[in-house]
Amino acid sequence: MAGKYSKGAQRKVKKAMEERKKGTLKSGSGRKVKSRKQAIAIGLSEARREGKKVPKKTTSKKKTGKKKTTRKKSGRKTGRRKASR
């Protein structure tokens, strides 16, 4: 799977990782980035913005199956009161 990311994109991610290590990398909200995954995401995002070769973002796939229906148990009904005499 070589050649997935361009050299420019790799440099951006490396730079973001170095900034995170120093403690100077900030997220969009201005907070310090501590997470390794978040630093990688920021580097890839910057590379995408500059038009470097980066694969498209992956999103979670929706489930496309039948929805499981739940049935009430037959037998004694709950929540009914006894009739008073």
PDB file of N, CA and C in Angstrom:
ATOM      1  N   MET A   1       0.821  -1.195   0.000  1.00  0.00           N
ATOM      2  CA  MET A   1       0.000   0.000   0.000  1.00  0.00           C
ATOM      3  C   MET A   1       0.863   1.256   0.000  1.00  0.00           C
ATOM      4  N   ALA A   2       2.023   1.164  -0.585  1.00  0.00           N
ATOM      5  CA  ALA A   2       2.905   2.319  -0.653  1.00  0.00           C
ATOM      6  C   ALA A   2       2.329   3.349  -1.616  1.00  0.00           C
ATOM      7  N   GLY A   3       2.642   4.602  -1.383  1.00  0.00           N
ATOM      8  CA  GLY A   3       2.192   5.664  -2.270  1.00  0.00           C
ATOM      9  C   GLY A   3       0.794   6.156  -1.988  1.00  0.00           C
ATOM     10  N   LYS A   4       0.268   5.818  -0.836  1.00  0.00           N
ATOM     11  CA  LYS A   4      -1.083   6.254  -0.486  1.00  0.00           C
ATOM     12  C   LYS A   4      -1.099   7.753  -0.189  1.00  0.00           C
ATOM     13  N   TYR A   5      -0.094   8.209   0.543  1.00  0.00           N
ATOM     14  CA  TYR A   5       0.014   9.619   0.913  1.00  0.00           C
ATOM     15  C   TYR A   5       1.228  10.228   0.220  1.00  0.00           C
ATOM     16  N   SER A   6       1.100  11.490  -0.196  1.00  0.00           N
ATOM     17  CA  SER A   6       2.219  12.156  -0.859  1.00  0.00           C
ATOM     18  C   SER A   6       3.276  12.556   0.171  1.00  0.00           C
ATOM     19  N   LYS A   7       4.458  12.871  -0.315  1.00  0.00           N
ATOM     20  CA  LYS A   7       5.547  13.292   0.572  1.00  0.00           C
ATOM     21  C   LYS A   7       5.172  14.573   1.321  1.00  0.00           C
ATOM     22  N   GLY A   8       4.471  15.460   0.621  1.00  0.00           N
ATOM     23  CA  GLY A   8       4.046  16.715   1.246  1.00  0.00           C
ATOM     24  C   GLY A   8       3.092  16.470   2.402  1.00  0.00           C
ATOM     25  N   ALA A   9       2.195  15.506   2.220  1.00  0.00           N
ATOM     26  CA  ALA A   9       1.244  15.169   3.278  1.00  0.00           C
ATOM     27  C   ALA A   9       1.977  14.539   4.461  1.00  0.00           C
ATOM     28  N   GLN A  10       2.971  13.702   4.156  1.00  0.00           N
ATOM     29  CA  GLN A  10       3.753  13.064   5.220  1.00  0.00           C
ATOM     30  C   GLN A  10       4.509  14.110   6.035  1.00  0.00           C
ATOM     31  N   ARG A  11       5.022  15.127   5.346  1.00  0.00           N
ATOM     32  CA  ARG A  11       5.750  16.201   6.041  1.00  0.00           C
ATOM     33  C   ARG A  11       4.820  16.972   6.972  1.00  0.00           C
ATOM     34  N   LYS A  12       3.593  17.230   6.501  1.00  0.00           N
ATOM     35  CA  LYS A  12       2.607  17.967   7.310  1.00  0.00           C
ATOM     36  C   LYS A  12       2.278  17.203   8.594  1.00  0.00           C
ATOM     37  N   VAL A  13       2.094  15.889   8.460  1.00  0.00           N
ATOM     38  CA  VAL A  13       1.765  15.057   9.626  1.00  0.00           C
ATOM     39  C   VAL A  13       2.958  15.030  10.578  1.00  0.00           C
ATOM     40  N   LYS A  14       4.163  14.909  10.025  1.00  0.00           N
ATOM     41  CA  LYS A  14       5.371  14.878  10.851  1.00  0.00           C
ATOM     42  C   LYS A  14       5.519  16.190  11.629  1.00  0.00           C
ATOM     43  N   LYS A  15       5.253  17.303  10.947  1.00  0.00           N
ATOM     44  CA  LYS A  15       5.362  18.616  11.583  1.00  0.00           C
ATOM     45  C   LYS A  15       4.343  18.743  12.719  1.00  0.00           C
ATOM     46  N   ALA A  16       3.113  18.269  12.462  1.00  0.00           N
ATOM     47  CA  ALA A  16       2.069  18.321  13.488  1.00  0.00           C
ATOM     48  C   ALA A  16       2.442  17.466  14.697  1.00  0.00           C
ATOM     49  N   MET A  17       3.055  16.303  14.435  1.00  0.00           N
ATOM     50  CA  MET A  17       3.473  15.416  15.524  1.00  0.00           C
ATOM     51  C   MET A  17       4.579  16.057  16.365  1.00  0.00           C
ATOM     52  N   GLU A  18       5.510  16.747  15.699  1.00  0.00           N
ATOM     53  CA  GLU A  18       6.593  17.418  16.416  1.00  0.00           C
ATOM     54  C   GLU A  18       6.048  18.554  17.278  1.00  0.00           C
ATOM     55  N   GLU A  19       5.092  19.305  16.719  1.00  0.00           N
ATOM     56  CA  GLU A  19       4.482  20.402  17.473  1.00  0.00           C
ATOM     57  C   GLU A  19       3.739  19.871  18.696  1.00  0.00           C
ATOM     58  N   ARG A  20       3.074  18.722  18.521  1.00  0.00           N
ATOM     59  CA  ARG A  20       2.355  18.119  19.648  1.00  0.00           C
ATOM     60  C   ARG A  20       3.337  17.736  20.759  1.00  0.00           C
ATOM     61  N   LYS A  21       4.480  17.184  20.352  1.00  0.00           N
ATOM     62  CA  LYS A  21       5.499  16.785  21.329  1.00  0.00           C
ATOM     63  C   LYS A  21       6.020  17.984  22.122  1.00  0.00           C
ATOM     64  N   LYS A  22       6.214  19.108  21.411  1.00  0.00           N
ATOM     65  CA  LYS A  22       6.696  20.330  22.070  1.00  0.00           C
ATOM     66  C   LYS A  22       5.605  20.950  22.943  1.00  0.00           C
ATOM     67  N   GLY A  23       4.336  20.679  22.586  1.00  0.00           N
ATOM     68  CA  GLY A  23       3.220  21.255  23.326  1.00  0.00           C
ATOM     69  C   GLY A  23       2.718  22.542  22.708  1.00  0.00           C
ATOM     70  N   THR A  24       3.051  22.784  21.434  1.00  0.00           N
ATOM     71  CA  THR A  24       2.635  24.027  20.782  1.00  0.00           C
ATOM     72  C   THR A  24       1.496  23.821  19.788  1.00  0.00           C
ATOM     73  N   LEU A  25       1.104  22.571  19.538  1.00  0.00           N
ATOM     74  CA  LEU A  25       0.029  22.300  18.581  1.00  0.00           C
ATOM     75  C   LEU A  25      -1.313  22.597  19.227  1.00  0.00           C
ATOM     76  N   LYS A  26      -2.125  23.394  18.544  1.00  0.00           N
ATOM     77  CA  LYS A  26      -3.433  23.771  19.061  1.00  0.00           C
ATOM     78  C   LYS A  26      -4.514  23.285  18.108  1.00  0.00           C
ATOM     79  N   SER A  27      -5.655  22.940  18.670  1.00  0.00           N
ATOM     80  CA  SER A  27      -6.789  22.511  17.847  1.00  0.00           C
ATOM     81  C   SER A  27      -7.551  23.749  17.380  1.00  0.00           C
ATOM     82  N   GLY A  28      -8.624  23.538  16.656  1.00  0.00           N
ATOM     83  CA  GLY A  28      -9.426  24.652  16.140  1.00  0.00           C
ATOM     84  C   GLY A  28     -10.013  25.511  17.244  1.00  0.00           C
ATOM     85  N   SER A  29     -10.301  24.900  18.388  1.00  0.00           N
ATOM     86  CA  SER A  29     -10.889  25.651  19.499  1.00  0.00           C
ATOM     87  C   SER A  29      -9.825  26.390  20.313  1.00  0.00           C
ATOM     88  N   GLY A  30      -8.531  26.163  19.976  1.00  0.00           N
ATOM     89  CA  GLY A  30      -7.456  26.868  20.661  1.00  0.00           C
ATOM     90  C   GLY A  30      -6.849  26.106  21.824  1.00  0.00           C
ATOM     91  N   ARG A  31      -7.347  24.887  22.068  1.00  0.00           N
ATOM     92  CA  ARG A  31      -6.809  24.090  23.164  1.00  0.00           C
ATOM     93  C   ARG A  31      -5.586  23.298  22.707  1.00  0.00           C
ATOM     94  N   LYS A  32      -4.713  22.961  23.660  1.00  0.00           N
ATOM     95  CA  LYS A  32      -3.532  22.159  23.348  1.00  0.00           C
ATOM     96  C   LYS A  32      -3.942  20.760  22.948  1.00  0.00           C
ATOM     97  N   VAL A  33      -3.292  20.244  21.922  1.00  0.00           N
ATOM     98  CA  VAL A  33      -3.565  18.884  21.465  1.00  0.00           C
ATOM     99  C   VAL A  33      -2.641  17.943  22.210  1.00  0.00           C
ATOM    100  N   LYS A  34      -3.228  16.936  22.861  1.00  0.00           N
ATOM    101  CA  LYS A  34      -2.441  15.952  23.603  1.00  0.00           C
ATOM    102  C   LYS A  34      -2.511  14.593  22.929  1.00  0.00           C
ATOM    103  N   SER A  35      -3.556  14.357  22.174  1.00  0.00           N
ATOM    104  CA  SER A  35      -3.786  13.065  21.550  1.00  0.00           C
ATOM    105  C   SER A  35      -2.970  12.901  20.272  1.00  0.00           C
ATOM    106  N   ARG A  36      -2.358  11.714  20.126  1.00  0.00           N
ATOM    107  CA  ARG A  36      -1.581  11.388  18.934  1.00  0.00           C
ATOM    108  C   ARG A  36      -2.484  11.349  17.707  1.00  0.00           C
ATOM    109  N   LYS A  37      -3.653  10.729  17.864  1.00  0.00           N
ATOM    110  CA  LYS A  37      -4.595  10.602  16.754  1.00  0.00           C
ATOM    111  C   LYS A  37      -5.069  11.975  16.275  1.00  0.00           C
ATOM    112  N   GLN A  38      -5.309  12.870  17.216  1.00  0.00           N
ATOM    113  CA  GLN A  38      -5.775  14.203  16.859  1.00  0.00           C
ATOM    114  C   GLN A  38      -4.687  14.969  16.101  1.00  0.00           C
ATOM    115  N   ALA A  39      -3.436  14.789  16.485  1.00  0.00           N
ATOM    116  CA  ALA A  39      -2.326  15.447  15.799  1.00  0.00           C
ATOM    117  C   ALA A  39      -2.230  14.955  14.356  1.00  0.00           C
ATOM    118  N   ILE A  40      -2.404  13.658  14.145  1.00  0.00           N
ATOM    119  CA  ILE A  40      -2.373  13.092  12.789  1.00  0.00           C
ATOM    120  C   ILE A  40      -3.521  13.672  11.967  1.00  0.00           C
ATOM    121  N   ALA A  41      -4.698  13.755  12.574  1.00  0.00           N
ATOM    122  CA  ALA A  41      -5.864  14.293  11.875  1.00  0.00           C
ATOM    123  C   ALA A  41      -5.651  15.747  11.464  1.00  0.00           C
ATOM    124  N   ILE A  42      -5.016  16.524  12.325  1.00  0.00           N
ATOM    125  CA  ILE A  42      -4.743  17.930  12.009  1.00  0.00           C
ATOM    126  C   ILE A  42      -3.754  18.025  10.856  1.00  0.00           C
ATOM    127  N   GLY A  43      -2.707  17.199  10.887  1.00  0.00           N
ATOM    128  CA  GLY A  43      -1.712  17.192   9.808  1.00  0.00           C
ATOM    129  C   GLY A  43      -2.341  16.822   8.475  1.00  0.00           C
ATOM    130  N   LEU A  44      -3.184  15.799   8.460  1.00  0.00           N
ATOM    131  CA  LEU A  44      -3.847  15.381   7.216  1.00  0.00           C
ATOM    132  C   LEU A  44      -4.820  16.447   6.724  1.00  0.00           C
ATOM    133  N   SER A  45      -5.499  17.090   7.651  1.00  0.00           N
ATOM    134  CA  SER A  45      -6.449  18.143   7.288  1.00  0.00           C
ATOM    135  C   SER A  45      -5.731  19.314   6.615  1.00  0.00           C
ATOM    136  N   GLU A  46      -4.583  19.695   7.171  1.00  0.00           N
ATOM    137  CA  GLU A  46      -3.793  20.782   6.574  1.00  0.00           C
ATOM    138  C   GLU A  46      -3.295  20.387   5.191  1.00  0.00           C
ATOM    139  N   ALA A  47      -2.886  19.138   5.040  1.00  0.00           N
ATOM    140  CA  ALA A  47      -2.406  18.650   3.741  1.00  0.00           C
ATOM    141  C   ALA A  47      -3.536  18.677   2.709  1.00  0.00           C
ATOM    142  N   ARG A  48      -4.728  18.265   3.121  1.00  0.00           N
ATOM    143  CA  ARG A  48      -5.883  18.288   2.216  1.00  0.00           C
ATOM    144  C   ARG A  48      -6.181  19.713   1.745  1.00  0.00           C
ATOM    145  N   ARG A  49      -6.098  20.649   2.703  1.00  0.00           N
ATOM    146  CA  ARG A  49      -6.384  22.054   2.389  1.00  0.00           C
ATOM    147  C   ARG A  49      -5.416  22.594   1.334  1.00  0.00           C
ATOM    148  N   GLU A  50      -4.165  22.126   1.375  1.00  0.00           N
ATOM    149  CA  GLU A  50      -3.160  22.574   0.413  1.00  0.00           C
ATOM    150  C   GLU A  50      -3.195  21.786  -0.890  1.00  0.00           C
ATOM    151  N   GLY A  51      -4.065  20.773  -0.965  1.00  0.00           N
ATOM    152  CA  GLY A  51      -4.225  20.015  -2.197  1.00  0.00           C
ATOM    153  C   GLY A  51      -3.236  18.875  -2.370  1.00  0.00           C
ATOM    154  N   LYS A  52      -2.639  18.416  -1.271  1.00  0.00           N
ATOM    155  CA  LYS A  52      -1.709  17.280  -1.344  1.00  0.00           C
ATOM    156  C   LYS A  52      -2.499  15.991  -1.567  1.00  0.00           C
ATOM    157  N   LYS A  53      -1.797  14.941  -1.996  1.00  0.00           N
ATOM    158  CA  LYS A  53      -2.451  13.661  -2.254  1.00  0.00           C
ATOM    159  C   LYS A  53      -2.711  12.938  -0.923  1.00  0.00           C
ATOM    160  N   VAL A  54      -3.967  12.938  -0.529  1.00  0.00           N
ATOM    161  CA  VAL A  54      -4.398  12.292   0.707  1.00  0.00           C
ATOM    162  C   VAL A  54      -5.705  11.571   0.409  1.00  0.00           C
ATOM    163  N   PRO A  55      -5.859  10.305   0.835  1.00  0.00           N
ATOM    164  CA  PRO A  55      -7.130   9.611   0.605  1.00  0.00           C
ATOM    165  C   PRO A  55      -8.306  10.341   1.251  1.00  0.00           C
ATOM    166  N   LYS A  56      -9.495  10.108   0.717  1.00  0.00           N
ATOM    167  CA  LYS A  56     -10.699  10.755   1.248  1.00  0.00           C
ATOM    168  C   LYS A  56     -10.952  10.310   2.673  1.00  0.00           C
ATOM    169  N   LYS A  57     -11.652  11.167   3.404  1.00  0.00           N
ATOM    170  CA  LYS A  57     -12.015  10.832   4.775  1.00  0.00           C
ATOM    171  C   LYS A  57     -12.960   9.648   4.762  1.00  0.00           C
ATOM    172  N   THR A  58     -12.800   8.764   5.726  1.00  0.00           N
ATOM    173  CA  THR A  58     -13.728   7.638   5.832  1.00  0.00           C
ATOM    174  C   THR A  58     -14.756   7.970   6.897  1.00  0.00           C
ATOM    175  N   THR A  59     -15.982   7.595   6.623  1.00  0.00           N
ATOM    176  CA  THR A  59     -17.051   7.824   7.588  1.00  0.00           C
ATOM    177  C   THR A  59     -17.655   6.493   7.973  1.00  0.00           C
ATOM    178  N   SER A  60     -18.355   6.480   9.079  1.00  0.00           N
ATOM    179  CA  SER A  60     -18.976   5.232   9.513  1.00  0.00           C
ATOM    180  C   SER A  60     -20.100   4.881   8.544  1.00  0.00           C
ATOM    181  N   LYS A  61     -20.195   3.595   8.237  1.00  0.00           N
ATOM    182  CA  LYS A  61     -21.194   3.150   7.280  1.00  0.00           C
ATOM    183  C   LYS A  61     -22.498   2.848   7.986  1.00  0.00           C
ATOM    184  N   LYS A  62     -23.591   3.202   7.332  1.00  0.00           N
ATOM    185  CA  LYS A  62     -24.902   2.937   7.907  1.00  0.00           C
ATOM    186  C   LYS A  62     -25.237   1.471   7.754  1.00  0.00           C
ATOM    187  N   LYS A  63     -25.932   0.946   8.727  1.00  0.00           N
ATOM    188  CA  LYS A  63     -26.363  -0.444   8.653  1.00  0.00           C
ATOM    189  C   LYS A  63     -27.549  -0.530   7.697  1.00  0.00           C
ATOM    190  N   THR A  64     -27.512  -1.500   6.807  1.00  0.00           N
ATOM    191  CA  THR A  64     -28.592  -1.653   5.844  1.00  0.00           C
ATOM    192  C   THR A  64     -29.212  -3.038   5.986  1.00  0.00           C
ATOM    193  N   GLY A  65     -29.786  -3.293   7.108  1.00  0.00           N
ATOM    194  CA  GLY A  65     -30.447  -4.571   7.335  1.00  0.00           C
ATOM    195  C   GLY A  65     -31.855  -4.335   7.823  1.00  0.00           C
ATOM    196  N   LYS A  66     -32.561  -5.415   8.014  1.00  0.00           N
ATOM    197  CA  LYS A  66     -33.910  -5.274   8.539  1.00  0.00           C
ATOM    198  C   LYS A  66     -33.829  -4.871   9.999  1.00  0.00           C
ATOM    199  N   LYS A  67     -34.730  -4.010  10.376  1.00  0.00           N
ATOM    200  CA  LYS A  67     -34.775  -3.567  11.748  1.00  0.00           C
ATOM    201  C   LYS A  67     -35.407  -4.666  12.598  1.00  0.00           C
ATOM    202  N   LYS A  68     -34.782  -4.984  13.693  1.00  0.00           N
ATOM    203  CA  LYS A  68     -35.281  -6.039  14.553  1.00  0.00           C
ATOM    204  C   LYS A  68     -36.500  -5.511  15.314  1.00  0.00           C
ATOM    205  N   THR A  69     -37.587  -6.241  15.200  1.00  0.00           N
ATOM    206  CA  THR A  69     -38.797  -5.812  15.904  1.00  0.00           C
ATOM    207  C   THR A  69     -38.889  -6.548  17.230  1.00  0.00           C
ATOM    208  N   THR A  70     -39.330  -5.839  18.225  1.00  0.00           N
ATOM    209  CA  THR A  70     -39.466  -6.455  19.542  1.00  0.00           C
ATOM    210  C   THR A  70     -40.943  -6.681  19.819  1.00  0.00           C
ATOM    211  N   ARG A  71     -41.237  -7.827  20.333  1.00  0.00           N
ATOM    212  CA  ARG A  71     -42.619  -8.159  20.680  1.00  0.00           C
ATOM    213  C   ARG A  71     -42.774  -8.192  22.182  1.00  0.00           C
ATOM    214  N   LYS A  72     -43.971  -7.866  22.614  1.00  0.00           N
ATOM    215  CA  LYS A  72     -44.259  -7.981  24.033  1.00  0.00           C
ATOM    216  C   LYS A  72     -44.503  -9.441  24.344  1.00  0.00           C
ATOM    217  N   LYS A  73     -44.100  -9.834  25.507  1.00  0.00           N
ATOM    218  CA  LYS A  73     -44.303 -11.221  25.909  1.00  0.00           C
ATOM    219  C   LYS A  73     -45.788 -11.468  26.139  1.00  0.00           C
ATOM    220  N   SER A  74     -46.248 -12.594  25.654  1.00  0.00           N
ATOM    221  CA  SER A  74     -47.653 -12.931  25.882  1.00  0.00           C
ATOM    222  C   SER A  74     -47.793 -13.505  27.280  1.00  0.00           C
ATOM    223  N   GLY A  75     -48.999 -13.521  27.754  1.00  0.00           N
ATOM    224  CA  GLY A  75     -49.230 -14.033  29.097  1.00  0.00           C
ATOM    225  C   GLY A  75     -49.790 -12.946  29.979  1.00  0.00           C
ATOM    226  N   ARG A  76     -49.310 -12.909  31.185  1.00  0.00           N
ATOM    227  CA  ARG A  76     -49.852 -11.957  32.142  1.00  0.00           C
ATOM    228  C   ARG A  76     -49.473 -10.533  31.754  1.00  0.00           C
ATOM    229  N   LYS A  77     -50.467  -9.676  31.778  1.00  0.00           N
ATOM    230  CA  LYS A  77     -50.241  -8.273  31.448  1.00  0.00           C
ATOM    231  C   LYS A  77     -49.729  -7.544  32.679  1.00  0.00           C
ATOM    232  N   THR A  78     -48.831  -6.676  32.482  1.00  0.00           N
ATOM    233  CA  THR A  78     -48.300  -5.909  33.611  1.00  0.00           C
ATOM    234  C   THR A  78     -48.992  -4.564  33.665  1.00  0.00           C
ATOM    235  N   GLY A  79     -49.054  -4.014  34.836  1.00  0.00           N
ATOM    236  CA  GLY A  79     -49.629  -2.688  34.990  1.00  0.00           C
ATOM    237  C   GLY A  79     -51.140  -2.682  35.176  1.00  0.00           C
ATOM    238  N   ARG A  80     -51.796  -3.835  35.154  1.00  0.00           N
ATOM    239  CA  ARG A  80     -53.249  -3.859  35.351  1.00  0.00           C
ATOM    240  C   ARG A  80     -53.559  -4.033  36.826  1.00  0.00           C
ATOM    241  N   ARG A  81     -54.607  -3.362  37.229  1.00  0.00           N
ATOM    242  CA  ARG A  81     -55.032  -3.494  38.614  1.00  0.00           C
ATOM    243  C   ARG A  81     -56.183  -4.479  38.704  1.00  0.00           C
ATOM    244  N   LYS A  82     -56.297  -5.094  39.852  1.00  0.00           N
ATOM    245  CA  LYS A  82     -57.423  -5.988  40.099  1.00  0.00           C
ATOM    246  C   LYS A  82     -58.657  -5.138  40.327  1.00  0.00           C
ATOM    247  N   ALA A  83     -59.782  -5.596  39.805  1.00  0.00           N
ATOM    248  CA  ALA A  83     -61.036  -4.865  40.021  1.00  0.00           C
ATOM    249  C   ALA A  83     -61.491  -5.065  41.466  1.00  0.00           C
ATOM    250  N   SER A  84     -61.827  -3.975  42.098  1.00  0.00           N
ATOM    251  CA  SER A  84     -62.287  -4.073  43.475  1.00  0.00           C
ATOM    252  C   SER A  84     -63.755  -4.435  43.495  1.00  0.00           C
ATOM    253  N   ARG A  85     -64.179  -5.232  44.499  1.00  0.00           N
ATOM    254  CA  ARG A  85     -65.570  -5.697  44.578  1.00  0.00           C
ATOM    255  C   ARG A  85     -66.392  -4.824  45.449  1.00  0.00           C
TER     256      ARG A  85
END
